[in-house]
Amino acid sequence: MKKKFEDLCEAGVDRNALANLLCLIPCAPTRKLPLVEGMHDRTVLRLPDQMQSWAKKLASLNSSPFLSPQRIPEIASAVRNEDISPEPLNAVFSLEGSRLFAQKFQSLPGLLNLYADYLRAWVPLLRKPKPRGISPRTVLTLRLLKLVRDSAKKPLRESSRTSHSGLRARETTR
């Protein structure tokens, strides 16, 4: 085991990071974690559809001649009464902030659709290793594999590859 550790370090893997992960992995819990704490995985899987639904509603709201965010600068120049624009809204209705907030509000439907597409692509991949979440031990093992893959400056010795293939050859002849 020590020889393999030294081989990895010679190949360019950070010694401290490798030792840290190798010490943490055996102690890490194997209990599966939910994708989002306090939220069932099925709920997370439904989020992209809900986000796209909200994006459509916001796009409709943004196209309304009465409620469009493009009207915020116009409203800000006309409304200067603090009773009408209380504390959280006074930044929105300031002359400086009104254009910025109008752009941000206008971009919300597109951002929600983009976020929904991201979740739709990524969440199922996280569920594949374990149907009901992923364990901390698996996460640490994946970090270890990534560390070795990203850090190694040169390929591992040829002898380590041949020893594995020799082992496979012996197992198949039995």
N, C-alpha and C. Protein backbone atom coordinates (compact mmCIF):
# COMPACT_ATOMS: atom_id res chain seq x y z
N MET A 1 0.82 -1.18 0.00
CA MET A 1 0.00 0.00 0.00
C MET A 1 0.87 1.26 0.00
N LYS A 2 1.91 1.23 0.82
CA LYS A 2 2.81 2.39 0.89
C LYS A 2 3.49 2.62 -0.45
N LYS A 3 3.84 1.55 -1.14
CA LYS A 3 4.49 1.66 -2.45
C LYS A 3 3.56 2.34 -3.45
N LYS A 4 2.29 1.95 -3.45
CA LYS A 4 1.31 2.57 -4.35
C LYS A 4 1.14 4.05 -4.03
N PHE A 5 1.13 4.38 -2.72
CA PHE A 5 1.03 5.77 -2.30
C PHE A 5 2.21 6.57 -2.85
N GLU A 6 3.40 6.03 -2.68
CA GLU A 6 4.61 6.71 -3.18
C GLU A 6 4.58 6.83 -4.71
N ASP A 7 4.09 5.80 -5.40
CA ASP A 7 3.99 5.86 -6.86
C ASP A 7 3.08 7.00 -7.30
N LEU A 8 1.96 7.15 -6.60
CA LEU A 8 1.03 8.23 -6.95
C LEU A 8 1.66 9.59 -6.69
N CYS A 9 2.37 9.72 -5.58
CA CYS A 9 3.03 11.00 -5.27
C CYS A 9 4.12 11.31 -6.29
N GLU A 10 4.87 10.31 -6.70
CA GLU A 10 5.89 10.51 -7.73
C GLU A 10 5.27 10.89 -9.07
N ALA A 11 4.07 10.43 -9.32
CA ALA A 11 3.38 10.76 -10.56
C ALA A 11 2.81 12.17 -10.54
N GLY A 12 2.91 12.86 -9.39
CA GLY A 12 2.49 14.25 -9.33
C GLY A 12 1.28 14.53 -8.48
N VAL A 13 0.74 13.52 -7.81
CA VAL A 13 -0.43 13.73 -6.95
C VAL A 13 0.03 14.39 -5.65
N ASP A 14 -0.71 15.40 -5.19
CA ASP A 14 -0.37 16.12 -3.97
C ASP A 14 -0.41 15.15 -2.78
N ARG A 15 0.71 15.05 -2.08
CA ARG A 15 0.87 14.09 -0.99
C ARG A 15 -0.13 14.34 0.14
N ASN A 16 -0.28 15.61 0.56
CA ASN A 16 -1.18 15.92 1.69
C ASN A 16 -2.63 15.66 1.33
N ALA A 17 -3.03 16.08 0.14
CA ALA A 17 -4.42 15.86 -0.28
C ALA A 17 -4.73 14.37 -0.40
N LEU A 18 -3.78 13.62 -0.94
CA LEU A 18 -3.96 12.17 -1.09
C LEU A 18 -4.07 11.50 0.28
N ALA A 19 -3.16 11.85 1.19
CA ALA A 19 -3.19 11.26 2.53
C ALA A 19 -4.48 11.62 3.26
N ASN A 20 -4.91 12.86 3.11
CA ASN A 20 -6.14 13.30 3.76
C ASN A 20 -7.34 12.48 3.28
N LEU A 21 -7.47 12.35 1.96
CA LEU A 21 -8.60 11.58 1.42
C LEU A 21 -8.52 10.11 1.81
N LEU A 22 -7.32 9.54 1.78
CA LEU A 22 -7.17 8.12 2.14
C LEU A 22 -7.51 7.87 3.61
N CYS A 23 -7.29 8.87 4.46
CA CYS A 23 -7.65 8.72 5.88
C CYS A 23 -9.15 8.93 6.09
N LEU A 24 -9.76 9.81 5.31
CA LEU A 24 -11.18 10.11 5.49
C LEU A 24 -12.10 9.04 4.93
N ILE A 25 -11.73 8.43 3.81
CA ILE A 25 -12.64 7.50 3.12
C ILE A 25 -13.10 6.34 4.01
N PRO A 26 -12.20 5.64 4.71
CA PRO A 26 -12.69 4.50 5.51
C PRO A 26 -13.62 4.92 6.65
N CYS A 27 -13.49 6.14 7.14
CA CYS A 27 -14.30 6.61 8.27
C CYS A 27 -15.61 7.26 7.82
N ALA A 28 -15.72 7.57 6.56
CA ALA A 28 -16.90 8.29 6.06
C ALA A 28 -18.13 7.39 6.11
N PRO A 29 -19.27 7.98 6.44
CA PRO A 29 -20.50 7.18 6.50
C PRO A 29 -20.91 6.66 5.13
N THR A 30 -21.49 5.48 5.13
CA THR A 30 -22.00 4.90 3.89
C THR A 30 -23.48 5.20 3.70
N ARG A 31 -24.08 5.85 4.70
CA ARG A 31 -25.50 6.23 4.61
C ARG A 31 -25.66 7.20 3.45
N LYS A 32 -26.66 6.94 2.63
CA LYS A 32 -26.90 7.78 1.46
C LYS A 32 -27.48 9.12 1.89
N LEU A 33 -27.01 10.18 1.26
CA LEU A 33 -27.50 11.51 1.53
C LEU A 33 -28.50 11.92 0.45
N PRO A 34 -29.51 12.70 0.82
CA PRO A 34 -30.41 13.22 -0.21
C PRO A 34 -29.68 14.25 -1.05
N LEU A 35 -30.18 14.50 -2.25
CA LEU A 35 -29.57 15.51 -3.11
C LEU A 35 -29.63 16.89 -2.47
N VAL A 36 -30.76 17.20 -1.81
CA VAL A 36 -30.94 18.47 -1.11
C VAL A 36 -31.47 18.14 0.28
N GLU A 37 -30.79 18.63 1.31
CA GLU A 37 -31.19 18.35 2.68
C GLU A 37 -32.60 18.89 2.93
N GLY A 38 -33.47 18.04 3.48
CA GLY A 38 -34.83 18.44 3.79
C GLY A 38 -35.79 18.37 2.62
N MET A 39 -35.34 17.88 1.47
CA MET A 39 -36.19 17.80 0.29
C MET A 39 -36.05 16.41 -0.32
N HIS A 40 -37.17 15.76 -0.57
CA HIS A 40 -37.14 14.43 -1.16
C HIS A 40 -36.60 14.52 -2.59
N ASP A 41 -35.90 13.50 -3.03
CA ASP A 41 -35.31 13.50 -4.37
C ASP A 41 -36.37 13.65 -5.47
N ARG A 42 -37.56 13.08 -5.24
CA ARG A 42 -38.64 13.23 -6.23
C ARG A 42 -39.02 14.70 -6.40
N THR A 43 -39.00 15.45 -5.31
CA THR A 43 -39.30 16.87 -5.37
C THR A 43 -38.24 17.60 -6.18
N VAL A 44 -37.00 17.23 -5.97
CA VAL A 44 -35.90 17.85 -6.73
C VAL A 44 -36.05 17.53 -8.21
N LEU A 45 -36.45 16.31 -8.52
CA LEU A 45 -36.62 15.93 -9.93
C LEU A 45 -37.77 16.70 -10.60
N ARG A 46 -38.76 17.11 -9.81
CA ARG A 46 -39.88 17.87 -10.37
C ARG A 46 -39.59 19.36 -10.49
N LEU A 47 -38.56 19.84 -9.83
CA LEU A 47 -38.26 21.26 -9.84
C LEU A 47 -38.08 21.87 -11.24
N PRO A 48 -37.38 21.22 -12.16
CA PRO A 48 -37.23 21.84 -13.49
C PRO A 48 -38.56 22.16 -14.16
N ASP A 49 -39.53 21.27 -14.05
CA ASP A 49 -40.85 21.54 -14.65
C ASP A 49 -41.53 22.72 -13.95
N GLN A 50 -41.42 22.77 -12.63
CA GLN A 50 -42.02 23.87 -11.89
C GLN A 50 -41.33 25.20 -12.23
N MET A 51 -40.01 25.14 -12.38
CA MET A 51 -39.27 26.36 -12.72
C MET A 51 -39.66 26.86 -14.11
N GLN A 52 -39.83 25.95 -15.04
CA GLN A 52 -40.25 26.37 -16.38
C GLN A 52 -41.66 26.93 -16.36
N SER A 53 -42.52 26.39 -15.52
CA SER A 53 -43.87 26.92 -15.38
C SER A 53 -43.81 28.36 -14.85
N TRP A 54 -42.99 28.58 -13.84
CA TRP A 54 -42.82 29.94 -13.30
C TRP A 54 -42.21 30.86 -14.35
N ALA A 55 -41.28 30.36 -15.13
CA ALA A 55 -40.66 31.18 -16.17
C ALA A 55 -41.71 31.65 -17.18
N LYS A 56 -42.63 30.76 -17.56
CA LYS A 56 -43.70 31.15 -18.49
C LYS A 56 -44.59 32.22 -17.87
N LYS A 57 -44.93 32.05 -16.58
CA LYS A 57 -45.77 33.04 -15.90
C LYS A 57 -45.06 34.39 -15.82
N LEU A 58 -43.78 34.37 -15.50
CA LEU A 58 -43.03 35.63 -15.41
C LEU A 58 -42.88 36.29 -16.77
N ALA A 59 -42.69 35.48 -17.82
CA ALA A 59 -42.61 36.04 -19.17
C ALA A 59 -43.93 36.72 -19.54
N SER A 60 -45.05 36.12 -19.16
CA SER A 60 -46.35 36.75 -19.41
C SER A 60 -46.47 38.05 -18.62
N LEU A 61 -46.04 38.01 -17.37
CA LEU A 61 -46.06 39.21 -16.53
C LEU A 61 -45.18 40.31 -17.13
N ASN A 62 -44.00 39.91 -17.61
CA ASN A 62 -43.07 40.88 -18.21
C ASN A 62 -43.63 41.50 -19.49
N SER A 63 -44.51 40.80 -20.17
CA SER A 63 -45.06 41.34 -21.41
C SER A 63 -46.33 42.18 -21.17
N SER A 64 -46.78 42.23 -19.93
CA SER A 64 -47.96 43.02 -19.60
C SER A 64 -47.63 44.51 -19.72
N PRO A 65 -48.50 45.29 -20.37
CA PRO A 65 -48.23 46.72 -20.47
C PRO A 65 -48.29 47.43 -19.11
N PHE A 66 -48.93 46.82 -18.13
CA PHE A 66 -49.08 47.46 -16.82
C PHE A 66 -48.01 47.03 -15.83
N LEU A 67 -47.53 45.77 -15.94
CA LEU A 67 -46.61 45.23 -14.94
C LEU A 67 -45.21 44.93 -15.46
N SER A 68 -44.93 45.28 -16.68
CA SER A 68 -43.63 45.00 -17.27
C SER A 68 -42.51 45.68 -16.47
N PRO A 69 -41.41 44.97 -16.23
CA PRO A 69 -40.27 45.58 -15.54
C PRO A 69 -39.69 46.78 -16.30
N GLN A 70 -39.95 46.85 -17.59
CA GLN A 70 -39.45 47.99 -18.37
C GLN A 70 -40.07 49.30 -17.89
N ARG A 71 -41.17 49.21 -17.17
CA ARG A 71 -41.84 50.41 -16.66
C ARG A 71 -41.23 50.89 -15.34
N ILE A 72 -40.37 50.12 -14.72
CA ILE A 72 -39.82 50.49 -13.41
C ILE A 72 -39.12 51.85 -13.45
N PRO A 73 -38.23 52.14 -14.42
CA PRO A 73 -37.62 53.48 -14.43
C PRO A 73 -38.65 54.61 -14.56
N GLU A 74 -39.66 54.38 -15.35
CA GLU A 74 -40.73 55.37 -15.51
C GLU A 74 -41.46 55.60 -14.19
N ILE A 75 -41.77 54.49 -13.50
CA ILE A 75 -42.46 54.58 -12.21
C ILE A 75 -41.54 55.25 -11.18
N ALA A 76 -40.26 54.91 -11.22
CA ALA A 76 -39.31 55.47 -10.26
C ALA A 76 -39.20 56.97 -10.40
N SER A 77 -39.27 57.47 -11.62
CA SER A 77 -39.17 58.92 -11.80
C SER A 77 -40.44 59.62 -11.37
N ALA A 78 -41.58 58.91 -11.39
CA ALA A 78 -42.85 59.53 -11.01
C ALA A 78 -43.17 59.36 -9.53
N VAL A 79 -42.72 58.27 -8.93
CA VAL A 79 -43.07 57.95 -7.54
C VAL A 79 -41.88 58.25 -6.65
N ARG A 80 -42.06 59.16 -5.72
CA ARG A 80 -40.98 59.46 -4.78
C ARG A 80 -41.49 59.48 -3.35
N ASN A 81 -42.63 58.89 -3.11
CA ASN A 81 -43.25 58.88 -1.80
C ASN A 81 -42.83 57.62 -1.06
N GLU A 82 -42.20 57.76 0.11
CA GLU A 82 -41.72 56.58 0.84
C GLU A 82 -42.85 55.71 1.36
N ASP A 83 -44.06 56.26 1.47
CA ASP A 83 -45.20 55.44 1.88
C ASP A 83 -45.57 54.46 0.78
N ILE A 84 -45.38 54.87 -0.46
CA ILE A 84 -45.70 54.00 -1.60
C ILE A 84 -44.57 53.00 -1.84
N SER A 85 -43.35 53.42 -1.64
CA SER A 85 -42.21 52.52 -1.84
C SER A 85 -41.48 52.32 -0.52
N PRO A 86 -41.97 51.39 0.31
CA PRO A 86 -41.34 51.13 1.61
C PRO A 86 -39.94 50.54 1.47
N GLU A 87 -39.31 50.28 2.59
CA GLU A 87 -37.90 49.89 2.69
C GLU A 87 -37.39 48.93 1.62
N PRO A 88 -37.97 47.74 1.42
CA PRO A 88 -37.34 46.87 0.43
C PRO A 88 -37.45 47.40 -1.00
N LEU A 89 -38.45 48.21 -1.28
CA LEU A 89 -38.66 48.68 -2.65
C LEU A 89 -38.00 50.03 -2.94
N ASN A 90 -37.54 50.74 -1.92
CA ASN A 90 -36.99 52.05 -2.20
C ASN A 90 -35.73 51.98 -3.05
N ALA A 91 -34.98 50.87 -2.98
CA ALA A 91 -33.82 50.72 -3.87
C ALA A 91 -34.27 50.47 -5.31
N VAL A 92 -35.35 49.72 -5.48
CA VAL A 92 -35.88 49.44 -6.82
C VAL A 92 -36.39 50.73 -7.45
N PHE A 93 -37.02 51.56 -6.65
CA PHE A 93 -37.62 52.77 -7.18
C PHE A 93 -36.70 53.99 -7.12
N SER A 94 -35.44 53.78 -6.75
CA SER A 94 -34.50 54.90 -6.85
C SER A 94 -34.16 55.08 -8.32
N LEU A 95 -33.78 56.27 -8.68
CA LEU A 95 -33.46 56.54 -10.08
C LEU A 95 -32.26 55.71 -10.54
N GLU A 96 -31.28 55.50 -9.65
CA GLU A 96 -30.08 54.74 -10.02
C GLU A 96 -30.39 53.25 -10.16
N GLY A 97 -31.15 52.72 -9.20
CA GLY A 97 -31.40 51.28 -9.18
C GLY A 97 -32.48 50.81 -10.12
N SER A 98 -33.33 51.71 -10.59
CA SER A 98 -34.50 51.29 -11.36
C SER A 98 -34.13 50.59 -12.67
N ARG A 99 -33.13 51.11 -13.38
CA ARG A 99 -32.74 50.48 -14.66
C ARG A 99 -32.13 49.10 -14.43
N LEU A 100 -31.28 49.01 -13.41
CA LEU A 100 -30.64 47.73 -13.09
C LEU A 100 -31.68 46.68 -12.70
N PHE A 101 -32.61 47.04 -11.83
CA PHE A 101 -33.63 46.09 -11.41
C PHE A 101 -34.56 45.73 -12.55
N ALA A 102 -34.85 46.67 -13.42
CA ALA A 102 -35.69 46.39 -14.57
C ALA A 102 -35.03 45.31 -15.44
N GLN A 103 -33.73 45.42 -15.66
CA GLN A 103 -33.00 44.41 -16.45
C GLN A 103 -33.00 43.06 -15.74
N LYS A 104 -32.77 43.08 -14.43
CA LYS A 104 -32.74 41.82 -13.67
C LYS A 104 -34.10 41.14 -13.70
N PHE A 105 -35.16 41.90 -13.47
CA PHE A 105 -36.50 41.31 -13.49
C PHE A 105 -36.84 40.78 -14.87
N GLN A 106 -36.44 41.50 -15.90
CA GLN A 106 -36.73 41.08 -17.28
C GLN A 106 -36.00 39.78 -17.62
N SER A 107 -34.82 39.56 -17.01
CA SER A 107 -34.03 38.37 -17.33
C SER A 107 -34.44 37.13 -16.52
N LEU A 108 -35.30 37.29 -15.53
CA LEU A 108 -35.68 36.15 -14.68
C LEU A 108 -36.23 34.95 -15.45
N PRO A 109 -37.15 35.11 -16.40
CA PRO A 109 -37.65 33.92 -17.11
C PRO A 109 -36.54 33.14 -17.82
N GLY A 110 -35.64 33.84 -18.47
CA GLY A 110 -34.53 33.17 -19.16
C GLY A 110 -33.61 32.45 -18.18
N LEU A 111 -33.32 33.10 -17.05
CA LEU A 111 -32.47 32.47 -16.04
C LEU A 111 -33.13 31.24 -15.44
N LEU A 112 -34.43 31.33 -15.16
CA LEU A 112 -35.15 30.16 -14.63
C LEU A 112 -35.14 29.01 -15.63
N ASN A 113 -35.34 29.30 -16.91
CA ASN A 113 -35.29 28.24 -17.92
C ASN A 113 -33.90 27.63 -18.00
N LEU A 114 -32.87 28.45 -17.93
CA LEU A 114 -31.49 27.95 -17.97
C LEU A 114 -31.20 27.08 -16.75
N TYR A 115 -31.63 27.53 -15.57
CA TYR A 115 -31.43 26.77 -14.35
C TYR A 115 -32.21 25.45 -14.42
N ALA A 116 -33.42 25.48 -14.96
CA ALA A 116 -34.22 24.26 -15.11
C ALA A 116 -33.51 23.28 -16.05
N ASP A 117 -32.96 23.77 -17.15
CA ASP A 117 -32.22 22.90 -18.08
C ASP A 117 -31.00 22.29 -17.39
N TYR A 118 -30.30 23.09 -16.60
CA TYR A 118 -29.14 22.59 -15.84
C TYR A 118 -29.56 21.47 -14.89
N LEU A 119 -30.62 21.70 -14.12
CA LEU A 119 -31.09 20.67 -13.18
C LEU A 119 -31.58 19.43 -13.91
N ARG A 120 -32.28 19.63 -15.01
CA ARG A 120 -32.81 18.50 -15.77
C ARG A 120 -31.66 17.61 -16.28
N ALA A 121 -30.54 18.21 -16.63
CA ALA A 121 -29.41 17.44 -17.13
C ALA A 121 -28.57 16.84 -16.01
N TRP A 122 -28.43 17.54 -14.90
CA TRP A 122 -27.47 17.15 -13.87
C TRP A 122 -28.06 16.23 -12.81
N VAL A 123 -29.27 16.48 -12.34
CA VAL A 123 -29.85 15.71 -11.23
C VAL A 123 -29.93 14.22 -11.53
N PRO A 124 -30.40 13.80 -12.71
CA PRO A 124 -30.43 12.35 -12.96
C PRO A 124 -29.05 11.70 -12.92
N LEU A 125 -28.01 12.43 -13.32
CA LEU A 125 -26.66 11.86 -13.26
C LEU A 125 -26.22 11.63 -11.83
N LEU A 126 -26.62 12.51 -10.92
CA LEU A 126 -26.26 12.34 -9.51
C LEU A 126 -27.00 11.18 -8.88
N ARG A 127 -28.15 10.85 -9.40
CA ARG A 127 -28.95 9.76 -8.84
C ARG A 127 -28.52 8.40 -9.37
N LYS A 128 -27.82 8.35 -10.50
CA LYS A 128 -27.50 7.06 -11.12
C LYS A 128 -26.64 6.15 -10.25
N PRO A 129 -25.56 6.65 -9.60
CA PRO A 129 -24.77 5.70 -8.81
C PRO A 129 -25.58 5.02 -7.72
N LYS A 130 -26.43 5.75 -7.09
CA LYS A 130 -27.26 5.22 -6.02
C LYS A 130 -28.66 5.77 -6.27
N PRO A 131 -29.64 4.91 -6.43
CA PRO A 131 -30.98 5.41 -6.76
C PRO A 131 -31.55 6.40 -5.75
N ARG A 132 -31.12 6.33 -4.51
CA ARG A 132 -31.69 7.22 -3.50
C ARG A 132 -30.63 8.11 -2.87
N GLY A 133 -29.78 8.68 -3.66
CA GLY A 133 -28.76 9.58 -3.14
C GLY A 133 -27.38 8.99 -3.25
N ILE A 134 -26.44 9.70 -2.67
CA ILE A 134 -25.05 9.30 -2.77
C ILE A 134 -24.44 9.42 -1.38
N SER A 135 -23.58 8.50 -1.02
CA SER A 135 -23.03 8.49 0.33
C SER A 135 -21.80 9.39 0.40
N PRO A 136 -21.48 9.88 1.62
CA PRO A 136 -20.26 10.67 1.79
C PRO A 136 -19.00 9.89 1.38
N ARG A 137 -19.01 8.57 1.62
CA ARG A 137 -17.85 7.76 1.24
C ARG A 137 -17.68 7.76 -0.29
N THR A 138 -18.78 7.68 -1.00
CA THR A 138 -18.73 7.72 -2.47
C THR A 138 -18.23 9.07 -2.95
N VAL A 139 -18.71 10.15 -2.32
CA VAL A 139 -18.27 11.49 -2.70
C VAL A 139 -16.75 11.62 -2.51
N LEU A 140 -16.25 11.15 -1.37
CA LEU A 140 -14.81 11.23 -1.11
C LEU A 140 -14.01 10.36 -2.09
N THR A 141 -14.54 9.20 -2.42
CA THR A 141 -13.86 8.33 -3.39
C THR A 141 -13.80 9.00 -4.75
N LEU A 142 -14.89 9.65 -5.15
CA LEU A 142 -14.90 10.37 -6.42
C LEU A 142 -13.90 11.53 -6.40
N ARG A 143 -13.79 12.21 -5.26
CA ARG A 143 -12.78 13.28 -5.13
C ARG A 143 -11.37 12.72 -5.26
N LEU A 144 -11.15 11.55 -4.66
CA LEU A 144 -9.84 10.91 -4.76
C LEU A 144 -9.51 10.58 -6.22
N LEU A 145 -10.45 9.98 -6.91
CA LEU A 145 -10.24 9.65 -8.32
C LEU A 145 -9.96 10.90 -9.15
N LYS A 146 -10.70 11.97 -8.88
CA LYS A 146 -10.49 13.23 -9.61
C LYS A 146 -9.11 13.81 -9.29
N LEU A 147 -8.72 13.76 -8.01
CA LEU A 147 -7.40 14.26 -7.62
C LEU A 147 -6.30 13.52 -8.36
N VAL A 148 -6.39 12.21 -8.41
CA VAL A 148 -5.37 11.41 -9.10
C VAL A 148 -5.37 11.72 -10.58
N ARG A 149 -6.57 11.77 -11.18
CA ARG A 149 -6.66 12.04 -12.61
C ARG A 149 -6.12 13.42 -12.97
N ASP A 150 -6.50 14.44 -12.19
CA ASP A 150 -6.11 15.81 -12.51
C ASP A 150 -4.67 16.14 -12.13
N SER A 151 -4.12 15.45 -11.14
CA SER A 151 -2.80 15.81 -10.62
C SER A 151 -1.65 15.07 -11.25
N ALA A 152 -1.90 13.88 -11.72
CA ALA A 152 -0.80 13.06 -12.24
C ALA A 152 -0.17 13.74 -13.45
N LYS A 153 1.13 14.03 -13.34
CA LYS A 153 1.85 14.68 -14.44
C LYS A 153 2.29 13.69 -15.50
N LYS A 154 2.46 12.46 -15.06
CA LYS A 154 2.86 11.42 -16.01
C LYS A 154 2.01 10.19 -15.73
N PRO A 155 1.83 9.32 -16.73
CA PRO A 155 1.04 8.11 -16.49
C PRO A 155 1.71 7.22 -15.45
N LEU A 156 0.90 6.46 -14.76
CA LEU A 156 1.46 5.54 -13.77
C LEU A 156 2.31 4.50 -14.49
N ARG A 157 3.21 3.89 -13.72
CA ARG A 157 4.15 2.94 -14.32
C ARG A 157 3.46 1.84 -15.10
N GLU A 158 4.09 1.39 -16.12
CA GLU A 158 3.56 0.32 -16.97
C GLU A 158 3.38 -0.97 -16.17
N SER A 159 4.27 -1.19 -15.18
CA SER A 159 4.19 -2.44 -14.41
C SER A 159 2.89 -2.53 -13.63
N SER A 160 2.35 -1.41 -13.17
CA SER A 160 1.10 -1.50 -12.42
C SER A 160 -0.06 -1.90 -13.34
N ARG A 161 0.00 -1.49 -14.61
CA ARG A 161 -1.04 -1.89 -15.56
C ARG A 161 -0.94 -3.37 -15.89
N THR A 162 0.28 -3.85 -16.08
CA THR A 162 0.45 -5.26 -16.46
C THR A 162 0.11 -6.18 -15.30
N SER A 163 0.36 -5.74 -14.07
CA SER A 163 0.05 -6.62 -12.94
C SER A 163 -1.46 -6.85 -12.84
N HIS A 164 -2.25 -5.83 -13.16
CA HIS A 164 -3.70 -6.00 -13.14
C HIS A 164 -4.15 -6.94 -14.26
N SER A 165 -3.57 -6.79 -15.44
CA SER A 165 -3.98 -7.67 -16.54
C SER A 165 -3.53 -9.10 -16.28
N GLY A 166 -2.38 -9.29 -15.62
CA GLY A 166 -1.95 -10.63 -15.27
C GLY A 166 -2.89 -11.27 -14.27
N LEU A 167 -3.39 -10.46 -13.34
CA LEU A 167 -4.35 -10.96 -12.36
C LEU A 167 -5.63 -11.41 -13.06
N ARG A 168 -6.10 -10.60 -14.01
CA ARG A 168 -7.31 -10.97 -14.74
C ARG A 168 -7.10 -12.27 -15.54
N ALA A 169 -5.92 -12.45 -16.10
CA ALA A 169 -5.63 -13.65 -16.88
C ALA A 169 -5.67 -14.88 -15.98
N ARG A 170 -5.12 -14.77 -14.76
CA ARG A 170 -5.13 -15.89 -13.83
C ARG A 170 -6.55 -16.22 -13.39
N GLU A 171 -7.39 -15.17 -13.18
CA GLU A 171 -8.76 -15.42 -12.73
C GLU A 171 -9.57 -16.13 -13.83
N THR A 172 -9.34 -15.82 -15.10
CA THR A 172 -10.13 -16.42 -16.16
C THR A 172 -9.72 -17.85 -16.42
N THR A 173 -8.47 -18.24 -16.07
CA THR A 173 -8.04 -19.60 -16.34
C THR A 173 -8.55 -20.58 -15.28
N ARG A 174 -9.04 -20.09 -14.17
CA ARG A 174 -9.52 -20.97 -13.10
C ARG A 174 -10.82 -21.61 -13.43
